[in-house]
Protein backbone atom coordinates (compact mmCIF):
# COMPACT_ATOMS: atom_id res chain seq x y z
CA UNK A 1 91.70 126.20 104.62
CA UNK A 2 90.50 127.83 101.36
CA UNK A 3 94.10 128.07 100.16
CA UNK A 4 94.61 124.41 101.08
CA UNK A 5 91.54 123.28 99.13
CA UNK A 6 92.43 125.53 96.19
CA UNK A 7 95.91 124.06 96.08
CA UNK A 8 94.50 120.55 96.01
CA UNK A 9 92.01 121.53 93.32
CA UNK A 10 94.75 122.92 91.08
CA UNK A 11 96.84 119.81 91.72
CA UNK A 12 94.06 117.51 90.56
CA UNK A 13 93.16 119.68 87.55
CA UNK A 14 96.64 118.91 86.27
CA UNK A 15 95.95 115.16 86.35
CA UNK A 16 94.80 113.30 83.23
CA UNK A 17 91.13 112.49 82.90
CA UNK A 18 90.47 108.86 83.86
CA UNK A 19 88.19 106.45 82.07
CA UNK A 20 85.08 105.11 83.79
CA UNK A 21 81.69 106.42 84.81
CA UNK A 22 82.52 107.28 88.43
CA UNK A 23 84.17 110.59 87.55
CA UNK A 24 87.47 109.59 89.09
CA UNK A 25 89.10 112.97 88.64
CA UNK A 26 86.47 114.68 90.78
CA UNK A 27 86.34 111.74 93.19
CA UNK A 28 90.08 111.90 93.81
CA UNK A 29 89.88 115.63 94.47
CA UNK A 30 87.00 115.08 96.87
CA UNK A 31 88.91 112.36 98.69
CA UNK A 32 91.95 114.59 99.16
CA UNK A 33 89.88 117.47 100.47
CA UNK A 34 87.97 115.22 102.84
CA UNK A 35 91.21 113.70 104.13
CA UNK A 36 92.52 117.18 104.97
CA UNK A 37 89.34 117.87 106.93
CA UNK A 38 89.46 114.50 108.67
CA UNK A 39 93.09 114.93 109.76
CA UNK A 40 92.16 118.28 111.30
CA UNK A 41 89.93 116.47 113.81
CA UNK A 42 92.01 115.81 116.92
CA UNK A 43 91.16 112.34 118.21
CA UNK A 44 94.35 111.83 120.19
CA UNK A 45 93.95 108.89 122.55
CA UNK A 46 93.96 109.52 125.40
CA UNK A 47 91.35 110.95 125.70
CA UNK A 48 90.02 110.00 122.24
CA UNK A 49 86.91 112.14 121.76
CA UNK A 50 86.06 110.02 118.73
CA UNK A 51 82.56 111.52 118.63
CA UNK A 52 84.05 114.34 116.52
CA UNK A 53 85.19 111.87 113.87
CA UNK A 54 81.89 110.02 114.06
CA UNK A 55 80.02 113.24 113.29
CA UNK A 56 82.32 113.77 110.31
CA UNK A 57 81.23 110.47 108.78
CA UNK A 58 77.61 110.85 109.89
CA UNK A 59 77.13 114.19 108.11
CA UNK A 60 78.80 112.88 104.97
CA UNK A 61 76.90 109.60 104.80
CA UNK A 62 73.51 111.10 105.59
CA UNK A 63 74.01 113.65 102.81
CA UNK A 64 74.53 110.63 100.51
CA UNK A 65 71.29 109.04 101.72
CA UNK A 66 73.06 106.42 103.86
CA UNK A 67 71.67 105.82 107.34
CA UNK A 68 74.15 105.51 110.19
CA UNK A 69 73.99 104.05 113.67
CA UNK A 70 76.03 105.75 116.39
CA UNK A 71 76.76 104.06 119.69
CA UNK A 72 78.13 106.44 122.34
CA UNK A 73 79.20 103.92 124.97
CA UNK A 74 81.09 106.47 127.10
CA UNK A 75 80.94 110.28 126.96
CA UNK A 76 82.61 111.24 123.68
CA UNK A 77 83.58 107.62 122.86
CA UNK A 78 81.66 106.29 119.89
CA UNK A 79 81.38 103.54 117.32
CA UNK A 80 79.66 104.09 113.98
CA UNK A 81 78.03 101.44 111.79
CA UNK A 82 76.54 102.01 108.32
CA UNK A 83 75.16 99.43 105.88
CA UNK A 84 74.62 99.03 102.16
CA UNK A 85 72.19 96.20 101.55
CA UNK A 86 73.07 93.43 99.12
CA UNK A 87 71.02 90.61 97.63
CA UNK A 88 72.13 88.11 100.25
CA UNK A 89 73.96 85.77 97.89
CA UNK A 90 77.11 86.21 99.96
CA UNK A 91 77.82 86.87 103.60
CA UNK A 92 78.58 90.44 104.74
CA UNK A 93 81.85 92.28 104.12
CA UNK A 94 82.97 94.64 106.90
CA UNK A 95 85.19 97.62 106.07
CA UNK A 96 86.58 98.45 109.48
CA UNK A 97 88.76 101.29 110.74
CA UNK A 98 89.47 103.08 113.98
CA UNK A 99 89.05 106.82 114.43
CA UNK A 100 91.41 107.40 117.36
CA UNK A 101 95.10 108.20 116.90
CA UNK A 102 98.13 108.20 119.17
CA UNK A 103 99.29 111.47 120.70
CA UNK A 104 101.75 113.72 118.86
CA UNK A 105 104.65 115.87 120.07
CA UNK A 106 104.46 119.08 117.97
CA UNK A 107 108.19 119.74 118.46
CA UNK A 108 108.95 116.72 116.26
CA UNK A 109 106.82 117.89 113.36
CA UNK A 110 107.52 120.34 110.54
CA UNK A 111 103.82 121.34 110.65
CA UNK A 112 101.15 121.22 113.33
CA UNK A 113 100.14 117.54 113.77
CA UNK A 114 96.45 118.31 113.23
CA UNK A 115 96.80 120.88 110.46
CA UNK A 116 96.25 118.50 107.54
CA UNK A 117 98.85 120.59 105.73
CA UNK A 118 99.78 119.69 102.17
CA UNK A 119 103.50 120.08 101.47
CA UNK A 120 105.56 118.76 98.57
CA UNK A 121 102.78 116.43 97.47
CA UNK A 122 102.15 114.96 100.94
CA UNK A 123 99.24 115.40 103.34
CA UNK A 124 100.61 115.65 106.89
CA UNK A 125 98.74 114.77 110.04
CA UNK A 126 98.64 112.43 112.99
CA UNK A 127 96.81 109.36 111.77
CA UNK A 128 97.63 109.92 108.09
CA UNK A 129 98.76 106.29 107.88
CA UNK A 130 97.38 104.88 111.14
CA UNK A 131 94.69 104.91 110.08
CA UNK A 132 92.68 107.92 108.99
CA UNK A 133 93.71 107.85 105.33
CA UNK A 134 92.68 104.23 105.02
CA UNK A 135 89.47 104.91 106.92
CA UNK A 136 88.78 107.78 104.53
CA UNK A 137 89.44 105.50 101.55
CA UNK A 138 87.07 102.89 102.98
CA UNK A 139 84.40 105.57 103.44
CA UNK A 140 84.93 106.90 99.92
CA UNK A 141 84.64 103.38 98.44
CA UNK A 142 81.51 102.80 100.52
CA UNK A 143 79.94 106.00 99.20
CA UNK A 144 80.95 105.24 95.62
CA UNK A 145 79.19 101.87 95.75
CA UNK A 146 76.05 103.78 96.72
CA UNK A 147 76.48 106.54 94.13
CA UNK A 148 77.13 104.10 91.29
CA UNK A 149 74.32 101.82 92.48
CA UNK A 150 76.64 98.83 92.19
CA UNK A 151 74.60 95.61 92.46
CA UNK A 152 75.87 93.98 95.64
CA UNK A 153 75.91 90.22 96.17
CA UNK A 154 76.48 90.76 99.88
CA UNK A 155 75.81 93.44 102.50
CA UNK A 156 78.68 95.88 102.88
CA UNK A 157 79.25 97.59 106.22
CA UNK A 158 81.39 100.58 107.12
CA UNK A 159 82.41 100.37 110.77
CA UNK A 160 84.45 102.98 112.63
CA UNK A 161 85.54 102.13 116.16
CA UNK A 162 86.97 104.02 119.11
CA UNK A 163 89.94 103.36 121.39
CA UNK A 164 91.93 100.94 119.21
CA UNK A 165 95.19 102.62 120.20
CA UNK A 166 94.75 102.09 123.94
CA UNK A 167 92.30 99.51 125.27
CA UNK A 168 90.09 98.33 122.36
CA UNK A 169 86.95 99.54 124.13
CA UNK A 170 85.26 100.14 120.79
CA UNK A 171 86.00 96.62 119.56
CA UNK A 172 84.79 95.02 122.77
CA UNK A 173 81.64 97.16 122.61
CA UNK A 174 81.10 96.04 119.02
CA UNK A 175 81.36 92.42 120.13
CA UNK A 176 78.73 93.11 122.75
CA UNK A 177 76.30 95.04 120.57
CA UNK A 178 76.90 93.52 117.12
CA UNK A 179 77.77 89.92 117.90
CA UNK A 180 75.13 88.61 115.48
CA UNK A 181 76.59 90.66 112.62
CA UNK A 182 80.12 89.55 113.43
CA UNK A 183 79.05 85.91 113.45
CA UNK A 184 77.28 86.36 110.13
CA UNK A 185 80.09 88.29 108.41
CA UNK A 186 82.49 86.44 106.14
CA UNK A 187 85.32 88.97 105.91
CA UNK A 188 86.74 91.98 107.73
CA UNK A 189 89.14 94.31 105.93
CA UNK A 190 91.08 96.55 108.28
CA UNK A 191 94.51 98.08 108.88
CA UNK A 192 97.70 96.19 108.31
CA UNK A 193 99.46 94.78 105.31
CA UNK A 194 102.55 96.21 103.66
CA UNK A 195 103.15 97.13 100.04
CA UNK A 196 106.88 97.67 100.14
CA UNK A 197 108.64 100.00 97.71
CA UNK A 198 112.44 99.76 97.52
CA UNK A 199 114.50 101.90 95.14
CA UNK A 200 111.30 102.95 93.38
CA UNK A 201 110.27 99.32 92.77
CA UNK A 202 107.21 97.64 94.31
CA UNK A 203 108.76 94.58 95.92
CA UNK A 204 105.50 92.98 97.03
CA UNK A 205 101.91 93.54 98.09
CA UNK A 206 101.58 91.99 101.53
CA UNK A 207 98.24 90.97 103.03
CA UNK A 208 98.21 90.32 106.78
CA UNK A 209 96.35 87.07 107.36
CA UNK A 210 97.70 86.48 110.88
CA UNK A 211 98.71 88.39 113.99
CA UNK A 212 100.75 87.49 117.03
CA UNK A 213 99.15 87.73 120.44
CA UNK A 214 100.54 90.10 123.07
CA UNK A 215 101.18 88.38 126.38
CA UNK A 216 102.62 91.09 128.59
CA UNK A 217 104.21 89.96 131.83
CA UNK A 218 105.64 91.50 134.99
CA UNK A 219 108.51 89.82 136.82
CA UNK A 220 108.80 90.70 140.48
CA UNK A 221 111.88 89.83 142.55
CA UNK A 222 112.05 90.46 146.28
CA UNK A 223 114.97 90.43 148.68
CA UNK A 224 116.48 92.02 151.77
CA UNK A 225 116.98 95.79 151.41
CA UNK A 226 120.18 97.42 152.56
CA UNK A 227 122.81 100.12 152.16
CA UNK A 228 124.33 100.38 148.70
CA UNK A 229 127.82 100.40 150.16
CA UNK A 230 127.39 96.80 151.36
CA UNK A 231 126.48 94.57 148.40
CA UNK A 232 124.07 91.71 149.00
CA UNK A 233 124.63 88.84 146.55
CA UNK A 234 121.00 87.80 146.84
CA UNK A 235 119.55 91.31 146.49
CA UNK A 236 116.32 91.59 144.52
CA UNK A 237 118.05 93.59 141.79
CA UNK A 238 120.88 91.07 141.45
CA UNK A 239 118.52 88.11 141.24
CA UNK A 240 116.33 89.85 138.68
CA UNK A 241 119.28 90.84 136.51
CA UNK A 242 120.65 87.30 136.53
CA UNK A 243 117.26 85.93 135.52
CA UNK A 244 116.83 88.56 132.80
CA UNK A 245 120.22 87.69 131.35
CA UNK A 246 118.93 84.16 130.85
CA UNK A 247 115.75 85.48 129.24
CA UNK A 248 117.72 87.72 126.87
CA UNK A 249 119.81 84.73 125.77
CA UNK A 250 116.78 82.46 125.33
CA UNK A 251 116.22 81.19 121.80
CA UNK A 252 112.58 80.13 121.61
CA UNK A 253 111.76 77.22 119.26
CA UNK A 254 111.20 77.81 115.55
CA UNK A 255 107.59 77.33 114.39
CA UNK A 256 106.59 77.84 110.75
CA UNK A 257 102.99 78.77 109.98
CA UNK A 258 101.43 78.20 106.53
CA UNK A 259 101.14 81.94 105.79
CA UNK A 260 104.77 82.51 106.73
CA UNK A 261 105.85 79.54 104.64
CA UNK A 262 104.03 81.09 101.69
CA UNK A 263 105.69 84.46 102.30
CA UNK A 264 109.17 82.97 102.12
CA UNK A 265 108.29 80.85 99.11
CA UNK A 266 106.91 83.91 97.31
CA UNK A 267 109.95 86.04 98.19
CA UNK A 268 112.34 83.36 96.93
CA UNK A 269 112.26 84.78 93.40
CA UNK A 270 113.82 88.00 94.74
CA UNK A 271 116.72 86.25 96.47
CA UNK A 272 120.08 85.00 95.14
CA UNK A 273 119.87 81.44 93.82
CA UNK A 274 121.35 79.62 96.84
CA UNK A 275 119.26 81.53 99.34
CA UNK A 276 116.19 81.32 97.09
CA UNK A 277 116.17 77.54 97.27
CA UNK A 278 116.30 77.72 101.05
CA UNK A 279 113.36 80.15 101.04
CA UNK A 280 111.39 77.68 98.92
CA UNK A 281 112.19 74.80 101.29
CA UNK A 282 111.97 76.77 104.52
CA UNK A 283 111.02 73.94 106.87
CA UNK A 284 114.03 71.90 105.87
CA UNK A 285 116.39 74.85 105.49
CA UNK A 286 115.92 76.18 109.04
CA UNK A 287 117.37 72.93 110.36
CA UNK A 288 120.72 74.30 109.16
CA UNK A 289 122.12 76.33 112.12
CA UNK A 290 123.90 78.83 109.88
CA UNK A 291 120.83 79.60 107.77
CA UNK A 292 118.60 79.72 110.84
CA UNK A 293 120.96 82.23 112.44
CA UNK A 294 120.91 84.38 109.31
CA UNK A 295 117.12 84.63 109.57
CA UNK A 296 116.71 85.02 113.32
CA UNK A 297 119.37 87.75 113.45
CA UNK A 298 117.16 89.85 111.15
CA UNK A 299 114.30 91.47 113.14
CA UNK A 300 112.15 91.54 109.99
CA UNK A 301 112.24 87.73 109.81
CA UNK A 302 112.82 86.64 113.40
CA UNK A 303 109.35 87.55 114.72
CA UNK A 304 107.73 85.50 111.94
CA UNK A 305 109.38 82.29 113.05
CA UNK A 306 109.05 82.12 116.82
CA UNK A 307 107.53 83.45 120.00
CA UNK A 308 109.44 86.59 120.93
CA UNK A 309 110.37 88.21 124.23
CA UNK A 310 111.52 91.81 124.69
CA UNK A 311 112.61 93.24 128.05
CA UNK A 312 110.98 96.67 128.03
CA UNK A 313 110.72 98.02 131.60
CA UNK A 314 113.17 97.87 134.52
CA UNK A 315 112.35 99.25 137.97
CA UNK A 316 114.48 99.21 141.09
CA UNK A 317 115.03 101.61 143.95
CA UNK A 318 114.68 105.41 143.82
CA UNK A 319 118.10 106.09 145.39
CA UNK A 320 121.60 105.14 144.25
CA UNK A 321 122.81 104.30 147.74
CA UNK A 322 119.86 102.07 148.69
CA UNK A 323 119.49 98.40 147.76
CA UNK A 324 115.75 98.07 147.16
CA UNK A 325 113.66 95.29 148.63
CA UNK A 326 111.92 94.76 145.29
CA UNK A 327 112.88 94.92 141.61
CA UNK A 328 110.51 94.68 138.67
CA UNK A 329 110.80 94.04 134.94
CA UNK A 330 108.21 93.97 132.17
CA UNK A 331 108.36 91.54 129.26
CA UNK A 332 106.63 92.19 125.94
CA UNK A 333 105.91 88.63 124.85
CA UNK A 334 104.32 87.95 121.45
CA UNK A 335 103.00 84.46 120.82
CA UNK A 336 102.37 82.81 117.46
CA UNK A 337 98.90 81.61 116.48
CA UNK A 338 98.19 78.20 117.97
CA UNK A 339 100.56 78.65 120.90
CA UNK A 340 99.54 77.96 124.50
CA UNK A 341 100.28 80.78 126.91
CA UNK A 342 100.26 78.30 129.81
CA UNK A 343 102.95 76.25 128.09
CA UNK A 344 104.97 79.40 127.45
CA UNK A 345 104.76 80.34 131.13
CA UNK A 346 106.10 76.93 132.10
CA UNK A 347 108.99 77.35 129.66
CA UNK A 348 109.71 80.85 130.96
CA UNK A 349 109.76 79.59 134.54
CA UNK A 350 112.43 77.06 133.54
CA UNK A 351 114.49 79.76 131.81
CA UNK A 352 114.31 82.11 134.80
CA UNK A 353 115.73 79.35 137.00
CA UNK A 354 114.59 81.20 140.12
CA UNK A 355 111.36 80.06 141.72
CA UNK A 356 111.23 83.09 144.01
CA UNK A 357 110.55 85.46 141.10
CA UNK A 358 106.83 86.12 140.79
CA UNK A 359 105.32 86.21 137.26
CA UNK A 360 102.21 88.36 136.81
CA UNK A 361 100.03 88.97 133.76
CA UNK A 362 99.64 92.64 132.87
CA UNK A 363 96.47 92.08 130.83
CA UNK A 364 93.02 91.38 132.19
CA UNK A 365 92.85 88.26 130.03
CA UNK A 366 94.85 86.51 127.36
CA UNK A 367 93.44 86.51 123.84
CA UNK A 368 95.00 83.94 121.48
CA UNK A 369 96.63 85.03 118.24
CA UNK A 370 94.48 85.03 115.13
CA UNK A 371 95.03 83.47 111.74
CA UNK A 372 92.92 83.41 108.55
CA UNK A 373 93.34 81.19 105.47
CA UNK A 374 95.77 82.25 102.75
CA UNK A 375 93.44 81.33 99.87
CA UNK A 376 90.07 83.05 100.10
CA UNK A 377 88.01 85.46 97.98
CA UNK A 378 89.80 88.39 99.64
CA UNK A 379 93.28 87.19 98.74
CA UNK A 380 92.16 86.24 95.23
CA UNK A 381 90.53 89.64 94.71
CA UNK A 382 93.73 91.43 95.71
CA UNK A 383 95.74 89.16 93.42
CA UNK A 384 93.40 89.90 90.52
CA UNK A 385 93.57 93.68 91.02
CA UNK A 386 97.35 93.66 91.42
CA UNK A 387 97.63 91.70 88.17
CA UNK A 388 95.60 94.44 86.46
CA UNK A 389 97.15 97.50 88.09
CA UNK A 390 100.70 96.31 88.84
CA UNK A 391 101.41 93.50 86.36
CA UNK A 392 104.07 91.05 87.44
CA UNK A 393 104.14 92.24 91.05
CA UNK A 394 104.04 89.73 93.87
CA UNK A 395 101.10 89.29 96.25
CA UNK A 396 101.85 87.37 99.42
CA UNK A 397 100.55 86.83 102.95
CA UNK A 398 102.25 88.16 106.07
CA UNK A 399 101.96 87.91 109.82
CA UNK A 400 101.73 91.16 111.75
CA UNK A 401 104.08 91.47 114.70
CA UNK A 402 101.61 93.79 116.40
CA UNK A 403 97.94 93.40 117.30
CA UNK A 404 94.78 94.94 115.86
CA UNK A 405 91.06 94.58 116.36
CA UNK A 406 91.29 91.41 114.25
CA UNK A 407 92.62 89.66 117.33
CA UNK A 408 89.39 90.43 119.15
CA UNK A 409 86.66 90.36 116.52
CA UNK A 410 87.78 87.23 114.67
CA UNK A 411 86.85 85.30 117.82
CA UNK A 412 83.29 85.38 116.52
CA UNK A 413 84.16 83.80 113.20
CA UNK A 414 84.85 86.23 110.34
CA UNK A 415 88.11 85.93 108.45
CA UNK A 416 90.10 89.08 109.09
CA UNK A 417 92.73 90.60 106.80
CA UNK A 418 94.99 93.58 107.16
CA UNK A 419 95.18 95.29 103.78
CA UNK A 420 96.52 98.73 102.90
CA UNK A 421 96.05 100.32 99.46
CA UNK A 422 99.14 102.51 99.84
CA UNK A 423 102.59 101.78 98.38
CA UNK A 424 105.19 102.85 100.94
CA UNK A 425 108.93 102.95 101.23
CA UNK A 426 110.54 102.39 104.61
CA UNK A 427 110.93 106.12 105.32
CA UNK A 428 107.23 106.81 104.81
CA UNK A 429 106.25 103.77 106.84
CA UNK A 430 108.52 104.84 109.70
CA UNK A 431 106.40 107.96 110.25
CA UNK A 432 103.61 105.87 111.80
CA UNK A 433 103.35 106.87 115.49
CA UNK A 434 106.36 109.16 114.88
CA UNK A 435 106.93 112.71 113.74
CA UNK A 436 105.75 114.02 110.37
CA UNK A 437 103.30 111.21 109.70
CA UNK A 438 102.13 111.65 106.14
CA UNK A 439 100.66 110.11 103.01
CA UNK A 440 101.29 111.32 99.48
CA UNK A 441 98.44 112.65 97.39
CA UNK A 442 99.57 110.22 94.69
CA UNK A 443 99.24 107.33 97.14
CA UNK A 444 95.80 108.51 98.17
CA UNK A 445 94.48 108.74 94.61
CA UNK A 446 96.05 105.46 93.49
CA UNK A 447 95.08 103.74 96.73
CA UNK A 448 91.46 104.81 96.39
CA UNK A 449 91.16 103.15 92.99
CA UNK A 450 93.08 100.10 94.19
CA UNK A 451 90.79 99.64 97.19
CA UNK A 452 87.64 100.25 95.14
CA UNK A 453 88.62 97.60 92.62
CA UNK A 454 89.31 95.05 95.37
CA UNK A 455 85.97 95.70 97.08
CA UNK A 456 84.12 95.63 93.77
CA UNK A 457 85.63 92.20 93.05
CA UNK A 458 84.29 91.02 96.41
CA UNK A 459 80.74 92.38 96.11
CA UNK A 460 79.73 91.86 92.48
């Protein structure tokens, strides 16, 4: 560990001294060292054991004179809430992150997943991008506001939750215990967003203002079992496969949300002239079958435009020579904001064209997709900082194909945005939940200043 810290110290001593009264050179070194320590805390979920991460923040914050509140709602499963008081002119800002990470297979890593090793300018560790580095940046910004005694026009909260990667127990607990705060808060900043670098060029800064809702389903077909040597046309497996073929061929209707419309309009400047005009007039352009096909055949665009269905699990019999009496498939359905899950079920039933197939929800309850406005103080603050730090670069809104705590907590009213301060190419981004997850030291130092500037715009 001493060698690791020394290496980071020497790395930062080589960096130019930055202007400003926060002592950025020392702050960046501190952030890098703290990230190494944070990544060494194994909070793989399951089982989570987020209490270890909570203690990490508790010791740090209390040394800075910041009181913390820890809620251990199950043994070893904890949420942490800390507050910096503002003058009340604005409603609270919540900096939210989760402390758990997905599991890691060490055989797919060049270093131990919880070593926090620094190699070739990158800090490696499970959670480096999802989302311990961002959580560390949020904590560092939170502490810097306190150190610099920045006059705050609103309360600022740092909130670290447990179990985001599995069952959102921390978020649901927060709703239970901090419902008044969530109703009072104006904005949540959390994971998400994409600042895409291609060929060394920052293509855009993307702010997630919307998420699709997961609506996971099980299809269950039943039929007469028998010997595999005597095919049964109406076997459960045959009926299920026929129905799934219809699902796989199903083209759900195109729906264009305001944030998605803005994304295409903003990206138009980066497209060839003919295609650019179609991006600017998306609603009209998608009526053209050829253009629509060009978009929906691209997974990066298709999910933005429609409800999606992926067949993810198939289960039949355990033996090759036995026709099973039951066959099961799982569908990963993602619904756009504003969509009715009951209406989708009715449409799916028509597509299956087999009333004997039973449809079951895999979730305890359905939670609708979330969407926040595309023109708020958060988006404007990010635009202002990008104009200062990355002149001429595009800021746009995006819809996340996945699902975060925004989908739960925004029920109580705050606008929720996924925003990352890191500039990533596709290779770096692909390490999330995979092997060799990492964030560059350069990204960490630049991202820290980026995030601080955005938050400062929001609280002054």
